[in-house]
Amino acid sequence: MKKYAKELVILLLQALLFYAYPAYAFRIDPMGAVFLMLFATLVLSLVLGVCSRSSVKWGFPALCALLFLPTVPIYYNSSALVHALWYPVVSAVGLGCGSGLAALVRLLRKKA
């Protein structure tokens, strides 16, 4: 369990983003909240890509989609199901960029 502590913390933050944030944010601006959640997913997956060397991290995009699906009947209407496709895409992009950045830093440190 301690081996995957970083991954679990980031997954917990993602779950908090999906379940706690909309309860307060939609009173202000619904579309702004959706874009902020997409951006936060990108940042969380980027952090996961940088800090995790485990192969388990590549399941994170699928978990993002699965975490989002139960929020549709809670906070949204059925038209929000299309966002379940955006979250894994955004997460995979962030994860790939973060992993590439971490590999580049390791390569540069190795050469120096």
N, C-alpha and C. Protein backbone atom coordinates (compact mmCIF):
# COMPACT_ATOMS: atom_id res chain seq x y z
N MET A 1 0.82 -1.19 0.00
CA MET A 1 0.00 0.00 0.00
C MET A 1 0.87 1.25 0.00
N LYS A 2 1.95 1.22 0.78
CA LYS A 2 2.84 2.37 0.83
C LYS A 2 3.53 2.59 -0.52
N LYS A 3 3.65 1.52 -1.28
CA LYS A 3 4.30 1.58 -2.58
C LYS A 3 3.53 2.50 -3.54
N TYR A 4 2.22 2.53 -3.39
CA TYR A 4 1.37 3.33 -4.29
C TYR A 4 0.77 4.53 -3.58
N ALA A 5 1.44 5.06 -2.58
CA ALA A 5 0.89 6.18 -1.79
C ALA A 5 0.69 7.43 -2.65
N LYS A 6 1.65 7.75 -3.51
CA LYS A 6 1.52 8.94 -4.36
C LYS A 6 0.33 8.83 -5.29
N GLU A 7 0.18 7.66 -5.89
CA GLU A 7 -0.92 7.44 -6.82
C GLU A 7 -2.27 7.53 -6.11
N LEU A 8 -2.35 6.97 -4.90
CA LEU A 8 -3.60 7.01 -4.14
C LEU A 8 -3.96 8.42 -3.70
N VAL A 9 -2.96 9.21 -3.32
CA VAL A 9 -3.23 10.59 -2.92
C VAL A 9 -3.76 11.40 -4.10
N ILE A 10 -3.17 11.24 -5.26
CA ILE A 10 -3.63 11.97 -6.44
C ILE A 10 -5.02 11.48 -6.87
N LEU A 11 -5.28 10.19 -6.74
CA LEU A 11 -6.61 9.68 -7.05
C LEU A 11 -7.64 10.21 -6.06
N LEU A 12 -7.28 10.34 -4.81
CA LEU A 12 -8.18 10.92 -3.80
C LEU A 12 -8.46 12.39 -4.12
N LEU A 13 -7.43 13.13 -4.52
CA LEU A 13 -7.64 14.53 -4.91
C LEU A 13 -8.56 14.63 -6.13
N GLN A 14 -8.41 13.71 -7.06
CA GLN A 14 -9.29 13.69 -8.23
C GLN A 14 -10.73 13.41 -7.82
N ALA A 15 -10.91 12.47 -6.91
CA ALA A 15 -12.26 12.16 -6.44
C ALA A 15 -12.87 13.36 -5.71
N LEU A 16 -12.07 14.06 -4.90
CA LEU A 16 -12.57 15.26 -4.24
C LEU A 16 -12.95 16.33 -5.25
N LEU A 17 -12.18 16.43 -6.30
CA LEU A 17 -12.47 17.39 -7.36
C LEU A 17 -13.82 17.08 -8.01
N PHE A 18 -14.09 15.81 -8.27
CA PHE A 18 -15.34 15.43 -8.93
C PHE A 18 -16.56 15.50 -8.02
N TYR A 19 -16.38 15.20 -6.73
CA TYR A 19 -17.54 15.07 -5.86
C TYR A 19 -17.77 16.27 -4.94
N ALA A 20 -16.73 16.92 -4.47
CA ALA A 20 -16.90 18.04 -3.53
C ALA A 20 -16.97 19.39 -4.24
N TYR A 21 -16.14 19.59 -5.24
CA TYR A 21 -16.07 20.89 -5.90
C TYR A 21 -17.37 21.31 -6.57
N PRO A 22 -18.06 20.45 -7.33
CA PRO A 22 -19.29 20.90 -8.01
C PRO A 22 -20.39 21.36 -7.06
N ALA A 23 -20.40 20.86 -5.86
CA ALA A 23 -21.45 21.25 -4.91
C ALA A 23 -21.38 22.75 -4.61
N TYR A 24 -20.19 23.33 -4.71
CA TYR A 24 -20.02 24.75 -4.41
C TYR A 24 -19.81 25.60 -5.66
N ALA A 25 -19.22 25.05 -6.68
CA ALA A 25 -18.82 25.85 -7.84
C ALA A 25 -19.98 26.17 -8.77
N PHE A 26 -20.96 25.31 -8.88
CA PHE A 26 -22.03 25.55 -9.84
C PHE A 26 -22.94 26.70 -9.43
N ARG A 27 -22.84 27.13 -8.22
CA ARG A 27 -23.62 28.30 -7.82
C ARG A 27 -23.05 29.56 -8.47
N ILE A 28 -21.81 29.50 -8.89
CA ILE A 28 -21.15 30.65 -9.48
C ILE A 28 -21.27 30.62 -11.01
N ASP A 29 -20.63 29.64 -11.64
CA ASP A 29 -20.60 29.56 -13.10
C ASP A 29 -20.41 28.11 -13.53
N PRO A 30 -21.41 27.47 -14.08
CA PRO A 30 -21.30 26.05 -14.43
C PRO A 30 -20.22 25.75 -15.48
N MET A 31 -20.14 26.54 -16.54
CA MET A 31 -19.14 26.25 -17.58
C MET A 31 -17.73 26.52 -17.08
N GLY A 32 -17.57 27.55 -16.29
CA GLY A 32 -16.26 27.81 -15.70
C GLY A 32 -15.82 26.67 -14.80
N ALA A 33 -16.77 26.10 -14.08
CA ALA A 33 -16.45 24.98 -13.21
C ALA A 33 -16.02 23.76 -14.02
N VAL A 34 -16.68 23.51 -15.13
CA VAL A 34 -16.31 22.37 -15.98
C VAL A 34 -14.90 22.55 -16.53
N PHE A 35 -14.59 23.74 -17.01
CA PHE A 35 -13.24 23.98 -17.54
C PHE A 35 -12.18 23.93 -16.45
N LEU A 36 -12.51 24.42 -15.28
CA LEU A 36 -11.57 24.35 -14.17
C LEU A 36 -11.32 22.90 -13.75
N MET A 37 -12.36 22.08 -13.78
CA MET A 37 -12.19 20.67 -13.44
C MET A 37 -11.35 19.95 -14.49
N LEU A 38 -11.53 20.29 -15.76
CA LEU A 38 -10.68 19.71 -16.79
C LEU A 38 -9.22 20.13 -16.62
N PHE A 39 -9.01 21.41 -16.31
CA PHE A 39 -7.65 21.91 -16.11
C PHE A 39 -7.02 21.27 -14.87
N ALA A 40 -7.79 21.12 -13.80
CA ALA A 40 -7.27 20.49 -12.59
C ALA A 40 -6.94 19.02 -12.84
N THR A 41 -7.72 18.35 -13.67
CA THR A 41 -7.41 16.96 -14.04
C THR A 41 -6.11 16.90 -14.82
N LEU A 42 -5.89 17.85 -15.71
CA LEU A 42 -4.64 17.92 -16.46
C LEU A 42 -3.46 18.11 -15.52
N VAL A 43 -3.61 19.02 -14.57
CA VAL A 43 -2.51 19.30 -13.62
C VAL A 43 -2.25 18.08 -12.74
N LEU A 44 -3.30 17.45 -12.22
CA LEU A 44 -3.10 16.27 -11.37
C LEU A 44 -2.43 15.13 -12.12
N SER A 45 -2.82 14.92 -13.37
CA SER A 45 -2.19 13.85 -14.14
C SER A 45 -0.76 14.20 -14.53
N LEU A 46 -0.48 15.48 -14.73
CA LEU A 46 0.88 15.92 -14.99
C LEU A 46 1.77 15.66 -13.77
N VAL A 47 1.26 15.98 -12.60
CA VAL A 47 1.99 15.73 -11.35
C VAL A 47 2.20 14.23 -11.17
N LEU A 48 1.17 13.44 -11.45
CA LEU A 48 1.31 11.98 -11.34
C LEU A 48 2.37 11.46 -12.30
N GLY A 49 2.40 11.98 -13.51
CA GLY A 49 3.40 11.55 -14.48
C GLY A 49 4.81 11.90 -14.06
N VAL A 50 4.97 13.04 -13.40
CA VAL A 50 6.30 13.47 -12.96
C VAL A 50 6.76 12.68 -11.74
N CYS A 51 5.87 12.48 -10.76
CA CYS A 51 6.33 11.94 -9.48
C CYS A 51 6.23 10.42 -9.38
N SER A 52 5.52 9.74 -10.26
CA SER A 52 5.35 8.30 -10.14
C SER A 52 6.17 7.57 -11.19
N ARG A 53 6.88 6.55 -10.74
CA ARG A 53 7.63 5.71 -11.67
C ARG A 53 6.97 4.34 -11.83
N SER A 54 5.82 4.18 -11.20
CA SER A 54 5.09 2.92 -11.23
C SER A 54 4.30 2.79 -12.53
N SER A 55 4.17 1.57 -13.01
CA SER A 55 3.39 1.35 -14.23
C SER A 55 1.90 1.42 -13.96
N VAL A 56 1.51 1.40 -12.70
CA VAL A 56 0.10 1.50 -12.31
C VAL A 56 -0.50 2.85 -12.72
N LYS A 57 0.33 3.87 -12.87
CA LYS A 57 -0.17 5.20 -13.19
C LYS A 57 -0.89 5.26 -14.54
N TRP A 58 -0.64 4.32 -15.43
CA TRP A 58 -1.27 4.35 -16.74
C TRP A 58 -2.74 3.94 -16.69
N GLY A 59 -3.20 3.49 -15.54
CA GLY A 59 -4.62 3.22 -15.36
C GLY A 59 -5.41 4.44 -14.90
N PHE A 60 -4.69 5.52 -14.60
CA PHE A 60 -5.32 6.73 -14.08
C PHE A 60 -6.35 7.34 -15.03
N PRO A 61 -6.11 7.42 -16.34
CA PRO A 61 -7.14 7.97 -17.23
C PRO A 61 -8.46 7.20 -17.18
N ALA A 62 -8.38 5.89 -17.14
CA ALA A 62 -9.62 5.09 -17.05
C ALA A 62 -10.31 5.31 -15.71
N LEU A 63 -9.52 5.43 -14.65
CA LEU A 63 -10.11 5.70 -13.34
C LEU A 63 -10.76 7.07 -13.28
N CYS A 64 -10.21 8.04 -13.99
CA CYS A 64 -10.84 9.37 -14.05
C CYS A 64 -12.23 9.27 -14.67
N ALA A 65 -12.34 8.53 -15.75
CA ALA A 65 -13.65 8.37 -16.39
C ALA A 65 -14.62 7.63 -15.48
N LEU A 66 -14.13 6.59 -14.82
CA LEU A 66 -15.00 5.83 -13.92
C LEU A 66 -15.42 6.65 -12.70
N LEU A 67 -14.53 7.50 -12.21
CA LEU A 67 -14.88 8.37 -11.08
C LEU A 67 -15.89 9.43 -11.48
N PHE A 68 -15.84 9.87 -12.72
CA PHE A 68 -16.75 10.92 -13.16
C PHE A 68 -18.17 10.40 -13.40
N LEU A 69 -18.31 9.18 -13.88
CA LEU A 69 -19.62 8.65 -14.26
C LEU A 69 -20.68 8.73 -13.15
N PRO A 70 -20.38 8.38 -11.90
CA PRO A 70 -21.42 8.49 -10.87
C PRO A 70 -21.82 9.93 -10.55
N THR A 71 -21.01 10.91 -10.92
CA THR A 71 -21.38 12.30 -10.63
C THR A 71 -22.44 12.83 -11.59
N VAL A 72 -22.62 12.16 -12.73
CA VAL A 72 -23.59 12.64 -13.71
C VAL A 72 -25.00 12.70 -13.13
N PRO A 73 -25.52 11.64 -12.52
CA PRO A 73 -26.87 11.77 -11.96
C PRO A 73 -26.92 12.63 -10.68
N ILE A 74 -25.78 12.82 -10.02
CA ILE A 74 -25.76 13.60 -8.79
C ILE A 74 -25.81 15.10 -9.09
N TYR A 75 -24.92 15.58 -9.97
CA TYR A 75 -24.78 17.01 -10.20
C TYR A 75 -25.27 17.50 -11.56
N TYR A 76 -25.27 16.63 -12.55
CA TYR A 76 -25.51 17.05 -13.93
C TYR A 76 -26.74 16.38 -14.49
N ASN A 77 -27.02 16.63 -15.77
CA ASN A 77 -28.03 15.86 -16.48
C ASN A 77 -27.33 14.92 -17.46
N SER A 78 -28.09 14.16 -18.21
CA SER A 78 -27.48 13.14 -19.07
C SER A 78 -26.60 13.71 -20.18
N SER A 79 -26.75 14.98 -20.50
CA SER A 79 -25.89 15.57 -21.54
C SER A 79 -24.44 15.68 -21.08
N ALA A 80 -24.18 15.53 -19.79
CA ALA A 80 -22.81 15.62 -19.28
C ALA A 80 -22.04 14.31 -19.46
N LEU A 81 -22.70 13.27 -19.94
CA LEU A 81 -21.99 12.00 -20.15
C LEU A 81 -20.85 12.14 -21.16
N VAL A 82 -20.96 13.08 -22.07
CA VAL A 82 -19.89 13.28 -23.05
C VAL A 82 -18.59 13.70 -22.37
N HIS A 83 -18.67 14.32 -21.21
CA HIS A 83 -17.46 14.71 -20.48
C HIS A 83 -16.69 13.51 -19.96
N ALA A 84 -17.37 12.39 -19.82
CA ALA A 84 -16.67 11.17 -19.41
C ALA A 84 -15.65 10.74 -20.45
N LEU A 85 -15.78 11.24 -21.67
CA LEU A 85 -14.78 10.97 -22.71
C LEU A 85 -13.63 11.97 -22.65
N TRP A 86 -13.90 13.18 -22.19
CA TRP A 86 -12.86 14.20 -22.14
C TRP A 86 -11.87 13.96 -21.01
N TYR A 87 -12.35 13.53 -19.87
CA TYR A 87 -11.46 13.37 -18.72
C TYR A 87 -10.34 12.36 -18.95
N PRO A 88 -10.59 11.18 -19.53
CA PRO A 88 -9.45 10.29 -19.79
C PRO A 88 -8.50 10.83 -20.86
N VAL A 89 -9.04 11.57 -21.83
CA VAL A 89 -8.16 12.14 -22.86
C VAL A 89 -7.24 13.19 -22.24
N VAL A 90 -7.82 14.09 -21.48
CA VAL A 90 -7.02 15.14 -20.82
C VAL A 90 -6.03 14.52 -19.85
N SER A 91 -6.49 13.51 -19.13
CA SER A 91 -5.61 12.84 -18.16
C SER A 91 -4.46 12.11 -18.86
N ALA A 92 -4.74 11.46 -19.97
CA ALA A 92 -3.68 10.75 -20.69
C ALA A 92 -2.65 11.74 -21.26
N VAL A 93 -3.11 12.89 -21.74
CA VAL A 93 -2.18 13.91 -22.24
C VAL A 93 -1.29 14.41 -21.11
N GLY A 94 -1.88 14.73 -19.98
CA GLY A 94 -1.10 15.20 -18.84
C GLY A 94 -0.14 14.14 -18.33
N LEU A 95 -0.59 12.91 -18.29
CA LEU A 95 0.26 11.81 -17.83
C LEU A 95 1.43 11.58 -18.78
N GLY A 96 1.15 11.64 -20.07
CA GLY A 96 2.23 11.48 -21.05
C GLY A 96 3.23 12.62 -20.99
N CYS A 97 2.75 13.85 -20.86
CA CYS A 97 3.66 15.00 -20.76
C CYS A 97 4.49 14.93 -19.48
N GLY A 98 3.85 14.57 -18.38
CA GLY A 98 4.57 14.47 -17.11
C GLY A 98 5.60 13.36 -17.12
N SER A 99 5.25 12.22 -17.69
CA SER A 99 6.21 11.11 -17.78
C SER A 99 7.36 11.45 -18.71
N GLY A 100 7.05 12.12 -19.81
CA GLY A 100 8.12 12.55 -20.72
C GLY A 100 9.04 13.56 -20.08
N LEU A 101 8.48 14.49 -19.33
CA LEU A 101 9.28 15.48 -18.63
C LEU A 101 10.18 14.83 -17.57
N ALA A 102 9.63 13.88 -16.84
CA ALA A 102 10.41 13.18 -15.82
C ALA A 102 11.54 12.37 -16.46
N ALA A 103 11.26 11.73 -17.59
CA ALA A 103 12.29 10.96 -18.29
C ALA A 103 13.38 11.88 -18.83
N LEU A 104 12.99 13.04 -19.32
CA LEU A 104 13.97 14.00 -19.82
C LEU A 104 14.87 14.51 -18.70
N VAL A 105 14.29 14.80 -17.56
CA VAL A 105 15.08 15.27 -16.41
C VAL A 105 16.04 14.17 -15.96
N ARG A 106 15.57 12.93 -15.89
CA ARG A 106 16.44 11.83 -15.50
C ARG A 106 17.59 11.66 -16.51
N LEU A 107 17.31 11.81 -17.80
CA LEU A 107 18.32 11.68 -18.83
C LEU A 107 19.36 12.79 -18.72
N LEU A 108 18.90 14.01 -18.48
CA LEU A 108 19.82 15.14 -18.35
C LEU A 108 20.67 15.01 -17.10
N ARG A 109 20.11 14.50 -16.02
CA ARG A 109 20.89 14.30 -14.80
C ARG A 109 21.93 13.21 -14.98
N LYS A 110 21.57 12.19 -15.77
CA LYS A 110 22.48 11.09 -16.00
C LYS A 110 23.69 11.54 -16.82
N LYS A 111 23.46 12.45 -17.78
CA LYS A 111 24.54 12.93 -18.63
C LYS A 111 25.44 13.92 -17.91
N ALA A 112 24.88 14.62 -16.92
CA ALA A 112 25.67 15.66 -16.23
C ALA A 112 26.60 15.10 -15.21
